[in-house]
Amino acid sequence: MEAAKAGLAAVTALGICLVTGCGSSGRAVQSPARPNPLTGIGTAGRVLAVKIDNVGVAQSQQRGLNGADVVYVEQVEGGLSRYLAVYDSSHPPGQVGPVRSARQTDIPILAAYGRVGFAYSGAIPGLLPDLGRANLRNITPATASDLFSNGGSSPTYIQPGQIFSRYNDLAQAQDVGFRFGPGMPGGTPVTSTHAAMPAASFTFTRDGARWRIAVDGHLTSLTTTNIIIEHVQVVPGKYTDHNAGHPDNEVFSVTTGSGTADFYRDGRVWHGRWSKPTDTSPTRYTVNGGLMLLAAGETYV
């Protein structure tokens, strides 16, 4: 998420009836499949979010980002960036990573998703109790080292399929605010756009039906269908990291509230607003008071 100029973003399987429901005869009744509210394509599966490294050599080590339904780009300490990637159990990639540490910003973003899985490799000590209290299934090398390559040593990767197989109580994809439609009136033609943080930059260039992504000036294999640039305040975080041998002040992107936003789809841009009254609320995206419709597919926020 681009910082605003003013502020700088169980159901445990006790039985088949708990999963599918039962009729009066006691026999299982299959629940109707729900459309996937994260992409507008296919049906909703269970959800896993993964924190992925995006600094220096990690960019060449990344795996599985193009398999994500939603990717949140967050500012972290030093003005750098990290990815919070969201995956659906109906189409998980084979491997995802490099997995890195959680941040305070992750908690309110994921609150709107319900009790989903959250895979990360550590966090600063002060943040750990907050993560424990959050409505999340925390999946880390400390709780499930066998799910992380190298036992969690960097660089480490996870296989979403293994996580979905082990944890069948993860929440199904639900409405977090995205709306999809075959077309959206208005907009201004655009072939590329740029978003920047103090020490990270992203360029999105139209390539056929998709946007191709360059990070810090380097073209990557990453692509997306939609781009939402939320202008948010970036403020000092609650905790300071001392693990590097010196104080490193973490930052927090304020994604609950409201602000302006830019929406990119189909080679056009619309300027509007975002609004999220509480952490658990869906984010409402609007243009001139009406809902912004995205193209069916993946979204970078």
C-alpha atoms as a PDB file:
ATOM      1  CA  MET A   1       0.000   0.000   0.000  1.00  0.00           C
ATOM      2  CA  GLU A   2       1.377   3.405  -0.901  1.00  0.00           C
ATOM      3  CA  ALA A   3       1.831   5.757   2.058  1.00  0.00           C
ATOM      4  CA  ALA A   4      -0.313   8.907   1.948  1.00  0.00           C
ATOM      5  CA  LYS A   5       1.649  12.070   1.372  1.00  0.00           C
ATOM      6  CA  ALA A   6       0.318  13.432   4.661  1.00  0.00           C
ATOM      7  CA  GLY A   7       1.283  10.401   6.747  1.00  0.00           C
ATOM      8  CA  LEU A   8       4.132   9.178   4.675  1.00  0.00           C
ATOM      9  CA  ALA A   9      -0.948   1.165   5.094  1.00  0.00           C
ATOM     10  CA  ALA A  10     -13.211 -24.859  14.228  1.00  0.00           C
ATOM     11  CA  VAL A  11     -14.574 -26.455  12.197  1.00  0.00           C
ATOM     12  CA  THR A  12     -12.587 -29.529  13.330  1.00  0.00           C
ATOM     13  CA  ALA A  13     -13.746 -32.563  11.387  1.00  0.00           C
ATOM     14  CA  LEU A  14     -15.831 -34.118  14.177  1.00  0.00           C
ATOM     15  CA  GLY A  15     -17.982 -35.699  11.537  1.00  0.00           C
ATOM     16  CA  ILE A  16     -19.177 -35.168   8.028  1.00  0.00           C
ATOM     17  CA  CYS A  17     -22.341 -33.498   9.314  1.00  0.00           C
ATOM     18  CA  LEU A  18     -20.282 -30.641  10.754  1.00  0.00           C
ATOM     19  CA  VAL A  19     -18.692 -30.053   7.384  1.00  0.00           C
ATOM     20  CA  THR A  20     -21.633 -30.468   5.033  1.00  0.00           C
ATOM     21  CA  GLY A  21     -24.692 -30.356   7.258  1.00  0.00           C
ATOM     22  CA  CYS A  22     -27.236 -33.128   7.772  1.00  0.00           C
ATOM     23  CA  GLY A  23     -30.807 -33.602   6.724  1.00  0.00           C
ATOM     24  CA  SER A  24     -33.535 -34.871   9.056  1.00  0.00           C
ATOM     25  CA  SER A  25     -32.567 -38.425   8.184  1.00  0.00           C
ATOM     26  CA  GLY A  26     -29.051 -37.828   9.490  1.00  0.00           C
ATOM     27  CA  ARG A  27     -27.539 -38.275   6.058  1.00  0.00           C
ATOM     28  CA  ALA A  28     -25.064 -35.651   4.873  1.00  0.00           C
ATOM     29  CA  VAL A  29     -26.414 -32.858   2.693  1.00  0.00           C
ATOM     30  CA  GLN A  30     -23.850 -31.138   0.483  1.00  0.00           C
ATOM     31  CA  SER A  31     -23.794 -27.363   1.013  1.00  0.00           C
ATOM     32  CA  PRO A  32     -23.983 -25.353  -2.212  1.00  0.00           C
ATOM     33  CA  ALA A  33     -20.619 -24.057  -3.365  1.00  0.00           C
ATOM     34  CA  ARG A  34     -20.165 -20.317  -2.908  1.00  0.00           C
ATOM     35  CA  PRO A  35     -18.470 -18.141  -5.527  1.00  0.00           C
ATOM     36  CA  ASN A  36     -14.959 -17.068  -4.626  1.00  0.00           C
ATOM     37  CA  PRO A  37     -15.331 -13.535  -3.192  1.00  0.00           C
ATOM     38  CA  LEU A  38     -11.599 -12.866  -3.508  1.00  0.00           C
ATOM     39  CA  THR A  39     -11.345 -13.232  -7.292  1.00  0.00           C
ATOM     40  CA  GLY A  40     -14.859 -13.648  -8.683  1.00  0.00           C
ATOM     41  CA  ILE A  41     -13.636 -16.882 -10.295  1.00  0.00           C
ATOM     42  CA  GLY A  42     -14.495 -20.410  -9.206  1.00  0.00           C
ATOM     43  CA  THR A  43     -15.759 -21.337  -5.751  1.00  0.00           C
ATOM     44  CA  ALA A  44     -14.627 -20.316  -2.290  1.00  0.00           C
ATOM     45  CA  GLY A  45     -12.107 -22.533  -0.545  1.00  0.00           C
ATOM     46  CA  ARG A  46     -10.346 -22.225   2.801  1.00  0.00           C
ATOM     47  CA  VAL A  47      -7.852 -19.397   3.240  1.00  0.00           C
ATOM     48  CA  LEU A  48      -4.161 -19.214   4.099  1.00  0.00           C
ATOM     49  CA  ALA A  49      -2.159 -15.982   4.304  1.00  0.00           C
ATOM     50  CA  VAL A  50       1.642 -16.060   4.066  1.00  0.00           C
ATOM     51  CA  LYS A  51       4.195 -13.344   4.865  1.00  0.00           C
ATOM     52  CA  ILE A  52       6.758 -13.241   2.035  1.00  0.00           C
ATOM     53  CA  ASP A  53      10.153 -11.543   1.860  1.00  0.00           C
ATOM     54  CA  ASN A  54      10.649  -8.846  -0.759  1.00  0.00           C
ATOM     55  CA  VAL A  55      14.063  -7.339  -0.051  1.00  0.00           C
ATOM     56  CA  GLY A  56      17.232  -7.733  -2.118  1.00  0.00           C
ATOM     57  CA  VAL A  57      18.102 -11.288  -3.098  1.00  0.00           C
ATOM     58  CA  ALA A  58      14.723 -12.510  -1.792  1.00  0.00           C
ATOM     59  CA  GLN A  59      13.100 -11.161  -4.953  1.00  0.00           C
ATOM     60  CA  SER A  60      14.912 -13.805  -7.006  1.00  0.00           C
ATOM     61  CA  GLN A  61      14.025 -16.490  -4.442  1.00  0.00           C
ATOM     62  CA  GLN A  62      10.278 -15.860  -4.438  1.00  0.00           C
ATOM     63  CA  ARG A  63       7.937 -18.723  -5.279  1.00  0.00           C
ATOM     64  CA  GLY A  64       4.175 -18.968  -5.508  1.00  0.00           C
ATOM     65  CA  LEU A  65       3.228 -15.285  -5.620  1.00  0.00           C
ATOM     66  CA  ASN A  66       1.490 -15.649  -8.974  1.00  0.00           C
ATOM     67  CA  GLY A  67      -0.728 -18.284  -7.344  1.00  0.00           C
ATOM     68  CA  ALA A  68      -2.131 -15.850  -4.770  1.00  0.00           C
ATOM     69  CA  ASP A  69      -5.680 -14.491  -4.989  1.00  0.00           C
ATOM     70  CA  VAL A  70      -4.754 -11.239  -3.224  1.00  0.00           C
ATOM     71  CA  VAL A  71      -1.350  -9.705  -2.465  1.00  0.00           C
ATOM     72  CA  TYR A  72      -1.040  -6.860   0.031  1.00  0.00           C
ATOM     73  CA  VAL A  73       2.141  -4.804  -0.350  1.00  0.00           C
ATOM     74  CA  GLU A  74       3.073  -3.376   3.052  1.00  0.00           C
ATOM     75  CA  GLN A  75       5.624  -0.820   4.144  1.00  0.00           C
ATOM     76  CA  VAL A  76       7.911  -2.075   6.912  1.00  0.00           C
ATOM     77  CA  GLU A  77      10.863  -0.637   8.834  1.00  0.00           C
ATOM     78  CA  GLY A  78      13.426   1.315   6.852  1.00  0.00           C
ATOM     79  CA  GLY A  79      10.812   2.145   4.221  1.00  0.00           C
ATOM     80  CA  LEU A  80      11.163  -1.349   2.709  1.00  0.00           C
ATOM     81  CA  SER A  81       8.293  -3.618   1.693  1.00  0.00           C
ATOM     82  CA  ARG A  82       6.920  -7.073   2.483  1.00  0.00           C
ATOM     83  CA  TYR A  83       4.127  -9.096   0.884  1.00  0.00           C
ATOM     84  CA  LEU A  84       1.104 -10.537   2.652  1.00  0.00           C
ATOM     85  CA  ALA A  85      -0.196 -13.081   0.131  1.00  0.00           C
ATOM     86  CA  VAL A  86      -3.617 -14.742   0.418  1.00  0.00           C
ATOM     87  CA  TYR A  87      -4.239 -18.251  -0.982  1.00  0.00           C
ATOM     88  CA  ASP A  88      -7.376 -20.331  -1.529  1.00  0.00           C
ATOM     89  CA  SER A  89      -7.389 -24.091  -0.887  1.00  0.00           C
ATOM     90  CA  SER A  90      -9.128 -24.753  -4.216  1.00  0.00           C
ATOM     91  CA  HIS A  91      -6.005 -23.826  -6.217  1.00  0.00           C
ATOM     92  CA  PRO A  92      -2.882 -23.659  -4.014  1.00  0.00           C
ATOM     93  CA  PRO A  93       0.562 -23.319  -5.639  1.00  0.00           C
ATOM     94  CA  GLY A  94       3.118 -26.001  -4.912  1.00  0.00           C
ATOM     95  CA  GLN A  95       5.470 -23.869  -2.843  1.00  0.00           C
ATOM     96  CA  VAL A  96       5.458 -20.370  -1.355  1.00  0.00           C
ATOM     97  CA  GLY A  97       8.194 -18.187   0.106  1.00  0.00           C
ATOM     98  CA  PRO A  98      10.652 -17.078   1.274  1.00  0.00           C
ATOM     99  CA  VAL A  99       8.529 -16.908   4.422  1.00  0.00           C
ATOM    100  CA  ARG A 100       9.428 -14.063   6.784  1.00  0.00           C
ATOM    101  CA  SER A 101       8.227 -12.465   9.985  1.00  0.00           C
ATOM    102  CA  ALA A 102       4.793 -11.086  10.805  1.00  0.00           C
ATOM    103  CA  ARG A 103       4.104  -7.382  11.335  1.00  0.00           C
ATOM    104  CA  GLN A 104       1.534  -5.400  13.318  1.00  0.00           C
ATOM    105  CA  THR A 105      -0.082  -4.275  10.045  1.00  0.00           C
ATOM    106  CA  ASP A 106      -1.042  -7.888   9.223  1.00  0.00           C
ATOM    107  CA  ILE A 107      -3.487  -8.271  12.115  1.00  0.00           C
ATOM    108  CA  PRO A 108      -6.198  -5.731  11.133  1.00  0.00           C
ATOM    109  CA  ILE A 109      -5.901  -6.643   7.442  1.00  0.00           C
ATOM    110  CA  LEU A 110      -6.542 -10.322   8.158  1.00  0.00           C
ATOM    111  CA  ALA A 111      -9.276  -9.616  10.741  1.00  0.00           C
ATOM    112  CA  ALA A 112     -11.774  -9.177   7.888  1.00  0.00           C
ATOM    113  CA  TYR A 113     -11.020 -12.706   6.617  1.00  0.00           C
ATOM    114  CA  GLY A 114     -12.109 -14.541   9.761  1.00  0.00           C
ATOM    115  CA  ARG A 115     -10.110 -17.355  11.377  1.00  0.00           C
ATOM    116  CA  VAL A 116      -7.743 -18.081   8.496  1.00  0.00           C
ATOM    117  CA  GLY A 117      -4.305 -19.637   8.548  1.00  0.00           C
ATOM    118  CA  PHE A 118      -1.369 -17.245   8.871  1.00  0.00           C
ATOM    119  CA  ALA A 119       2.056 -18.674   8.029  1.00  0.00           C
ATOM    120  CA  TYR A 120       5.077 -16.627   9.061  1.00  0.00           C
ATOM    121  CA  SER A 121       8.545 -17.140  10.465  1.00  0.00           C
ATOM    122  CA  GLY A 122       8.766 -15.325  13.773  1.00  0.00           C
ATOM    123  CA  ALA A 123       7.928 -11.814  14.948  1.00  0.00           C
ATOM    124  CA  ILE A 124       9.423  -9.316  17.375  1.00  0.00           C
ATOM    125  CA  PRO A 125       8.732 -10.364  20.988  1.00  0.00           C
ATOM    126  CA  GLY A 126       6.229  -7.612  21.777  1.00  0.00           C
ATOM    127  CA  LEU A 127       4.030  -8.565  18.836  1.00  0.00           C
ATOM    128  CA  LEU A 128       3.767 -12.268  19.673  1.00  0.00           C
ATOM    129  CA  PRO A 129       1.011 -11.853  22.322  1.00  0.00           C
ATOM    130  CA  ASP A 130      -1.035  -9.738  19.877  1.00  0.00           C
ATOM    131  CA  LEU A 131      -0.730 -12.467  17.247  1.00  0.00           C
ATOM    132  CA  GLY A 132      -1.757 -15.048  19.825  1.00  0.00           C
ATOM    133  CA  ARG A 133      -4.888 -13.079  20.709  1.00  0.00           C
ATOM    134  CA  ALA A 134      -5.841 -12.436  17.081  1.00  0.00           C
ATOM    135  CA  ASN A 135      -8.510 -14.553  15.384  1.00  0.00           C
ATOM    136  CA  LEU A 136      -5.882 -16.466  13.416  1.00  0.00           C
ATOM    137  CA  ARG A 137      -4.472 -19.958  13.129  1.00  0.00           C
ATOM    138  CA  ASN A 138      -0.810 -19.013  13.624  1.00  0.00           C
ATOM    139  CA  ILE A 139       1.434 -21.398  11.682  1.00  0.00           C
ATOM    140  CA  THR A 140       5.123 -20.900  12.421  1.00  0.00           C
ATOM    141  CA  PRO A 141       8.329 -22.940  12.719  1.00  0.00           C
ATOM    142  CA  ALA A 142       7.771 -22.846  16.501  1.00  0.00           C
ATOM    143  CA  THR A 143       4.375 -24.558  16.208  1.00  0.00           C
ATOM    144  CA  ALA A 144       4.850 -26.735  13.100  1.00  0.00           C
ATOM    145  CA  SER A 145       8.519 -26.863  12.101  1.00  0.00           C
ATOM    146  CA  ASP A 146       7.937 -29.817   9.765  1.00  0.00           C
ATOM    147  CA  LEU A 147       5.788 -27.602   7.505  1.00  0.00           C
ATOM    148  CA  PHE A 148       8.711 -25.244   6.851  1.00  0.00           C
ATOM    149  CA  SER A 149      11.722 -26.155   4.723  1.00  0.00           C
ATOM    150  CA  ASN A 150      15.017 -26.110   6.652  1.00  0.00           C
ATOM    151  CA  GLY A 151      12.954 -26.276   9.832  1.00  0.00           C
ATOM    152  CA  GLY A 152      12.341 -22.570   9.437  1.00  0.00           C
ATOM    153  CA  SER A 153      15.916 -21.458   8.744  1.00  0.00           C
ATOM    154  CA  SER A 154      16.104 -18.656   6.175  1.00  0.00           C
ATOM    155  CA  PRO A 155      15.265 -18.874   3.352  1.00  0.00           C
ATOM    156  CA  THR A 156      12.326 -21.049   4.262  1.00  0.00           C
ATOM    157  CA  TYR A 157       9.320 -22.159   2.195  1.00  0.00           C
ATOM    158  CA  ILE A 158       5.954 -23.772   2.853  1.00  0.00           C
ATOM    159  CA  GLN A 159       3.664 -25.939   0.746  1.00  0.00           C
ATOM    160  CA  PRO A 160       0.108 -24.606   1.085  1.00  0.00           C
ATOM    161  CA  GLY A 161      -1.352 -27.987   0.175  1.00  0.00           C
ATOM    162  CA  GLN A 162       0.270 -29.536   3.259  1.00  0.00           C
ATOM    163  CA  ILE A 163      -1.134 -26.799   5.477  1.00  0.00           C
ATOM    164  CA  PHE A 164      -4.651 -27.145   4.070  1.00  0.00           C
ATOM    165  CA  SER A 165      -4.439 -30.912   4.608  1.00  0.00           C
ATOM    166  CA  ARG A 166      -3.404 -30.547   8.251  1.00  0.00           C
ATOM    167  CA  TYR A 167      -5.680 -27.688   9.294  1.00  0.00           C
ATOM    168  CA  ASN A 168      -9.246 -28.328   8.175  1.00  0.00           C
ATOM    169  CA  ASP A 169     -10.663 -25.653  10.499  1.00  0.00           C
ATOM    170  CA  LEU A 170      -9.460 -22.665   8.450  1.00  0.00           C
ATOM    171  CA  ALA A 171     -12.196 -20.216   7.487  1.00  0.00           C
ATOM    172  CA  GLN A 172     -13.619 -20.300   4.000  1.00  0.00           C
ATOM    173  CA  ALA A 173     -13.034 -17.271   1.784  1.00  0.00           C
ATOM    174  CA  GLN A 174     -15.582 -14.595   2.660  1.00  0.00           C
ATOM    175  CA  ASP A 175     -16.500 -11.084   1.611  1.00  0.00           C
ATOM    176  CA  VAL A 176     -13.640  -8.685   2.357  1.00  0.00           C
ATOM    177  CA  GLY A 177     -14.980  -5.963   0.099  1.00  0.00           C
ATOM    178  CA  PHE A 178     -14.039  -6.791  -3.492  1.00  0.00           C
ATOM    179  CA  ARG A 179     -16.776  -6.504  -6.127  1.00  0.00           C
ATOM    180  CA  PHE A 180     -16.412  -7.847  -9.654  1.00  0.00           C
ATOM    181  CA  GLY A 181     -18.107  -7.040 -12.923  1.00  0.00           C
ATOM    182  CA  PRO A 182     -17.516  -7.485 -16.670  1.00  0.00           C
ATOM    183  CA  GLY A 183     -17.079  -3.747 -17.153  1.00  0.00           C
ATOM    184  CA  MET A 184     -16.829  -0.480 -15.290  1.00  0.00           C
ATOM    185  CA  PRO A 185     -17.971   2.811 -16.828  1.00  0.00           C
ATOM    186  CA  GLY A 186     -15.606   5.738 -17.064  1.00  0.00           C
ATOM    187  CA  GLY A 187     -11.967   5.638 -16.153  1.00  0.00           C
ATOM    188  CA  THR A 188      -8.952   7.088 -17.909  1.00  0.00           C
ATOM    189  CA  PRO A 189      -6.770   5.040 -20.277  1.00  0.00           C
ATOM    190  CA  VAL A 190      -3.340   4.268 -18.802  1.00  0.00           C
ATOM    191  CA  THR A 191      -0.527   1.938 -19.858  1.00  0.00           C
ATOM    192  CA  SER A 192       1.558   2.053 -16.684  1.00  0.00           C
ATOM    193  CA  THR A 193       1.534   3.342 -13.122  1.00  0.00           C
ATOM    194  CA  HIS A 194       4.006   3.702 -10.300  1.00  0.00           C
ATOM    195  CA  ALA A 195       3.698   3.298  -6.527  1.00  0.00           C
ATOM    196  CA  ALA A 196       6.486   4.105  -4.095  1.00  0.00           C
ATOM    197  CA  MET A 197       7.506   3.721  -0.475  1.00  0.00           C
ATOM    198  CA  PRO A 198      10.589   5.416   1.005  1.00  0.00           C
ATOM    199  CA  ALA A 199      12.874   2.511   0.049  1.00  0.00           C
ATOM    200  CA  ALA A 200      10.759   0.443  -2.354  1.00  0.00           C
ATOM    201  CA  SER A 201       9.091   1.060  -5.696  1.00  0.00           C
ATOM    202  CA  PHE A 202       6.605  -0.759  -7.911  1.00  0.00           C
ATOM    203  CA  THR A 203       5.833  -0.178 -11.576  1.00  0.00           C
ATOM    204  CA  PHE A 204       2.820  -1.832 -13.187  1.00  0.00           C
ATOM    205  CA  THR A 205       2.832  -1.951 -17.001  1.00  0.00           C
ATOM    206  CA  ARG A 206      -0.028  -3.167 -19.151  1.00  0.00           C
ATOM    207  CA  ASP A 207       0.902  -6.401 -20.934  1.00  0.00           C
ATOM    208  CA  GLY A 208      -2.008  -7.846 -22.904  1.00  0.00           C
ATOM    209  CA  ALA A 209      -4.844  -8.495 -20.473  1.00  0.00           C
ATOM    210  CA  ARG A 210      -2.651  -8.194 -17.366  1.00  0.00           C
ATOM    211  CA  TRP A 211      -0.348  -5.842 -15.499  1.00  0.00           C
ATOM    212  CA  ARG A 212       3.307  -6.875 -15.356  1.00  0.00           C
ATOM    213  CA  ILE A 213       5.166  -5.824 -12.216  1.00  0.00           C
ATOM    214  CA  ALA A 214       8.647  -4.333 -11.854  1.00  0.00           C
ATOM    215  CA  VAL A 215      10.020  -4.063  -8.317  1.00  0.00           C
ATOM    216  CA  ASP A 216      12.734  -1.568  -7.422  1.00  0.00           C
ATOM    217  CA  GLY A 217      13.343  -1.036 -11.126  1.00  0.00           C
ATOM    218  CA  HIS A 218      13.712  -4.742 -11.953  1.00  0.00           C
ATOM    219  CA  LEU A 219      11.143  -6.477 -14.148  1.00  0.00           C
ATOM    220  CA  THR A 220       9.776  -9.613 -12.483  1.00  0.00           C
ATOM    221  CA  SER A 221       7.624 -12.547 -13.575  1.00  0.00           C
ATOM    222  CA  LEU A 222       4.829 -11.245 -11.342  1.00  0.00           C
ATOM    223  CA  THR A 223       1.530 -10.223 -12.939  1.00  0.00           C
ATOM    224  CA  THR A 224      -1.917  -9.261 -11.729  1.00  0.00           C
ATOM    225  CA  THR A 225      -5.396  -8.508 -13.037  1.00  0.00           C
ATOM    226  CA  ASN A 226      -6.241  -5.564 -10.765  1.00  0.00           C
ATOM    227  CA  ILE A 227      -4.320  -2.971  -8.768  1.00  0.00           C
ATOM    228  CA  ILE A 228      -5.675  -0.994  -5.837  1.00  0.00           C
ATOM    229  CA  ILE A 229      -3.420   1.725  -4.458  1.00  0.00           C
ATOM    230  CA  GLU A 230      -4.759   2.654  -1.033  1.00  0.00           C
ATOM    231  CA  HIS A 231      -3.407   5.924   0.328  1.00  0.00           C
ATOM    232  CA  VAL A 232      -2.977   5.290   4.051  1.00  0.00           C
ATOM    233  CA  GLN A 233      -1.191   6.779   7.006  1.00  0.00           C
ATOM    234  CA  VAL A 234       2.015   5.049   8.049  1.00  0.00           C
ATOM    235  CA  VAL A 235       2.664   5.685  11.741  1.00  0.00           C
ATOM    236  CA  PRO A 236       5.120   4.408  14.376  1.00  0.00           C
ATOM    237  CA  GLY A 237       4.325   0.841  15.384  1.00  0.00           C
ATOM    238  CA  LYS A 238       3.661  -0.355  18.923  1.00  0.00           C
ATOM    239  CA  TYR A 239       6.956  -2.200  19.210  1.00  0.00           C
ATOM    240  CA  THR A 240      10.663  -1.761  18.486  1.00  0.00           C
ATOM    241  CA  ASP A 241      12.837  -4.561  17.142  1.00  0.00           C
ATOM    242  CA  HIS A 242      16.166  -5.017  18.943  1.00  0.00           C
ATOM    243  CA  ASN A 243      17.127  -8.277  17.200  1.00  0.00           C
ATOM    244  CA  ALA A 244      19.507  -6.565  14.770  1.00  0.00           C
ATOM    245  CA  GLY A 245      21.722  -5.359  17.629  1.00  0.00           C
ATOM    246  CA  HIS A 246      20.223  -1.875  17.500  1.00  0.00           C
ATOM    247  CA  PRO A 247      16.713  -0.436  17.858  1.00  0.00           C
ATOM    248  CA  ASP A 248      14.753  -0.754  14.628  1.00  0.00           C
ATOM    249  CA  ASN A 249      11.443   1.056  14.789  1.00  0.00           C
ATOM    250  CA  GLU A 250       8.649  -0.850  13.126  1.00  0.00           C
ATOM    251  CA  VAL A 251       5.849   1.030  11.377  1.00  0.00           C
ATOM    252  CA  PHE A 252       2.107   0.451  11.146  1.00  0.00           C
ATOM    253  CA  SER A 253      -0.098   1.091   8.126  1.00  0.00           C
ATOM    254  CA  VAL A 254      -3.548   2.328   9.151  1.00  0.00           C
ATOM    255  CA  THR A 255      -5.968   0.297   7.034  1.00  0.00           C
ATOM    256  CA  THR A 256      -9.021   0.798   9.258  1.00  0.00           C
ATOM    257  CA  GLY A 257     -10.708   4.120   8.605  1.00  0.00           C
ATOM    258  CA  SER A 258     -10.983   5.782   5.217  1.00  0.00           C
ATOM    259  CA  GLY A 259      -8.982   7.520   2.535  1.00  0.00           C
ATOM    260  CA  THR A 260      -8.446   7.928  -1.175  1.00  0.00           C
ATOM    261  CA  ALA A 261      -7.603   5.121  -3.575  1.00  0.00           C
ATOM    262  CA  ASP A 262      -6.694   4.520  -7.209  1.00  0.00           C
ATOM    263  CA  PHE A 263      -8.136   1.514  -9.043  1.00  0.00           C
ATOM    264  CA  TYR A 264      -6.580  -0.059 -12.147  1.00  0.00           C
ATOM    265  CA  ARG A 265      -8.254  -2.626 -14.386  1.00  0.00           C
ATOM    266  CA  ASP A 266      -8.501  -3.256 -18.142  1.00  0.00           C
ATOM    267  CA  GLY A 267      -5.892  -0.613 -18.964  1.00  0.00           C
ATOM    268  CA  ARG A 268      -7.830   2.174 -17.234  1.00  0.00           C
ATOM    269  CA  VAL A 269      -7.683   3.991 -13.887  1.00  0.00           C
ATOM    270  CA  TRP A 270     -10.455   5.282 -11.610  1.00  0.00           C
ATOM    271  CA  HIS A 271      -9.880   7.564  -8.636  1.00  0.00           C
ATOM    272  CA  GLY A 272     -12.083   6.999  -5.612  1.00  0.00           C
ATOM    273  CA  ARG A 273     -12.092   6.081  -1.948  1.00  0.00           C
ATOM    274  CA  TRP A 274     -11.651   3.193   0.473  1.00  0.00           C
ATOM    275  CA  SER A 275     -13.529   2.816   3.763  1.00  0.00           C
ATOM    276  CA  LYS A 276     -13.254   0.197   6.536  1.00  0.00           C
ATOM    277  CA  PRO A 277     -15.069   1.209   9.731  1.00  0.00           C
ATOM    278  CA  THR A 278     -13.730  -1.633  11.910  1.00  0.00           C
ATOM    279  CA  ASP A 279     -10.908  -4.167  11.648  1.00  0.00           C
ATOM    280  CA  THR A 280     -13.366  -6.976  10.915  1.00  0.00           C
ATOM    281  CA  SER A 281     -15.396  -5.004   8.344  1.00  0.00           C
ATOM    282  CA  PRO A 282     -15.023  -5.541   4.601  1.00  0.00           C
ATOM    283  CA  THR A 283     -13.274  -2.631   2.879  1.00  0.00           C
ATOM    284  CA  ARG A 284     -15.695  -0.644   0.742  1.00  0.00           C
ATOM    285  CA  TYR A 285     -14.175   0.640  -2.518  1.00  0.00           C
ATOM    286  CA  THR A 286     -16.103   3.402  -4.274  1.00  0.00           C
ATOM    287  CA  VAL A 287     -15.893   5.829  -7.186  1.00  0.00           C
ATOM    288  CA  ASN A 288     -18.178   8.873  -7.015  1.00  0.00           C
ATOM    289  CA  GLY A 289     -20.163   7.106  -4.293  1.00  0.00           C
ATOM    290  CA  GLY A 290     -20.798   3.940  -6.347  1.00  0.00           C
ATOM    291  CA  LEU A 291     -19.065   0.602  -5.894  1.00  0.00           C
ATOM    292  CA  MET A 292     -15.853   0.056  -7.827  1.00  0.00           C
ATOM    293  CA  LEU A 293     -16.081  -3.138  -9.880  1.00  0.00           C
ATOM    294  CA  LEU A 294     -12.867  -5.074 -10.436  1.00  0.00           C
ATOM    295  CA  ALA A 295     -12.148  -7.475 -13.284  1.00  0.00           C
ATOM    296  CA  ALA A 296     -12.440 -11.124 -12.232  1.00  0.00           C
ATOM    297  CA  GLY A 297      -8.976 -12.251 -11.201  1.00  0.00           C
ATOM    298  CA  GLU A 298      -6.162 -11.468  -8.788  1.00  0.00           C
ATOM    299  CA  THR A 299      -5.628  -8.134  -7.057  1.00  0.00           C
ATOM    300  CA  TYR A 300      -2.548  -6.357  -5.702  1.00  0.00           C
ATOM    301  CA  VAL A 301      -3.368  -3.907  -2.905  1.00  0.00           C
END
